[in-house]
Protein backbone atom coordinates (compact mmCIF):
# COMPACT_ATOMS: atom_id res chain seq x y z
CA MET A 1 80.00 88.74 247.69
CA GLU A 2 78.43 85.72 246.43
CA THR A 3 77.78 85.77 242.69
CA LYS A 4 73.97 85.40 242.97
CA GLU A 5 74.28 88.51 245.18
CA ILE A 6 76.02 90.42 242.59
CA VAL A 7 74.05 89.11 239.30
CA TYR A 8 70.90 90.67 241.44
CA CYS A 9 72.31 93.83 241.92
CA LEU A 10 73.72 94.07 238.21
CA LYS A 11 69.97 92.88 237.05
CA LYS A 12 69.08 96.44 238.72
CA ILE A 13 71.92 98.24 237.65
CA VAL A 14 71.55 97.42 233.88
CA LYS A 15 67.60 97.39 234.05
CA PRO A 16 67.60 101.17 232.66
CA TYR A 17 69.47 100.70 229.75
CA VAL A 18 68.15 97.67 228.29
CA GLN A 19 67.21 97.69 224.45
CA ASN A 20 65.77 93.90 224.68
CA ASP A 21 63.21 93.27 227.13
CA LEU A 22 62.58 89.75 226.08
CA ALA A 23 66.62 89.07 226.54
CA PHE A 24 66.28 90.44 230.16
CA GLN A 25 63.75 88.35 231.36
CA ASP A 26 66.56 85.51 231.04
CA PHE A 27 69.71 87.63 232.75
CA ASN A 28 71.80 85.12 233.54
CA ILE A 29 75.60 84.89 233.78
CA LYS A 30 75.94 84.62 230.15
CA THR A 31 73.90 87.68 229.13
CA ASP A 32 75.99 89.98 226.96
CA PHE A 33 75.48 93.08 227.82
CA ILE A 34 75.90 94.92 223.89
CA LYS A 35 74.09 91.22 221.61
CA ASP A 36 71.68 90.38 224.14
CA LEU A 37 70.38 93.18 226.09
CA GLU A 38 71.77 95.80 223.12
CA ILE A 39 73.01 98.51 225.75
CA ASN A 40 74.75 100.85 223.58
CA SER A 41 78.37 101.54 224.51
CA ALA A 42 77.56 105.00 226.15
CA HIS A 43 75.35 103.65 228.82
CA LEU A 44 78.14 100.90 229.30
CA VAL A 45 79.97 103.49 230.53
CA ASP A 46 77.10 104.36 233.00
CA ILE A 47 76.85 101.16 234.04
CA VAL A 48 80.41 101.05 235.00
CA LEU A 49 80.24 103.66 237.04
CA ASP A 50 76.84 102.51 238.38
CA VAL A 51 78.83 99.56 239.65
CA GLU A 52 81.57 101.26 241.10
CA ASP A 53 79.37 103.42 243.26
CA GLU A 54 77.39 100.35 244.11
CA PHE A 55 80.15 97.91 244.97
CA ASN A 56 82.45 100.92 246.39
CA ILE A 57 85.00 99.39 243.50
CA ALA A 58 87.36 101.63 241.27
CA ILE A 59 87.24 99.70 237.59
CA ASP A 60 90.23 100.48 235.33
CA ASN A 61 89.67 100.84 231.53
CA LYS A 62 91.63 97.21 230.71
CA SER A 63 88.61 95.87 233.11
CA MET A 64 86.44 97.89 231.72
CA GLU A 65 86.96 96.68 228.17
CA SER A 66 86.49 92.79 229.21
CA MET A 67 83.42 93.24 230.54
CA MET A 68 81.31 92.25 227.96
CA THR A 69 79.11 89.65 229.92
CA VAL A 70 77.41 89.52 233.12
CA GLY A 71 79.89 86.95 234.01
CA ASP A 72 82.76 89.17 232.92
CA ALA A 73 81.19 91.76 235.02
CA VAL A 74 80.65 88.99 238.13
CA GLY A 75 84.24 88.65 237.83
CA ILE A 76 85.94 91.56 237.83
CA ILE A 77 83.33 92.62 240.57
CA GLN A 78 84.95 90.03 242.95
CA LYS A 79 88.18 90.53 241.99
CA LYS A 80 88.40 94.00 242.72
CA GLN A 81 86.26 93.28 246.25
CA VAL A 82 89.29 91.03 247.44
CA GLU A 83 91.85 93.49 246.26
CA ASN A 84 89.94 96.54 248.07
CA ASP A 85 89.96 93.98 251.73
CA ARG A 86 93.99 93.66 251.22
């Protein structure tokens, strides 16, 4: 799946958890879930679960802890999809 498609899907997934609507309008690869969108850590877990369901992947704790930006999430999703294809 291409980066653009993944970012589009992520935007739909994180929308319900966003506290900073202004930052959400500029949602891009550099957007930080906590600093920019003001999503709390409990909701980040919900987002990870939603991402797992949406992309049919499993995200381990180490990967989850490194998923701070949209770009991080895209990289993890793409890596897990490649692993699933093997």
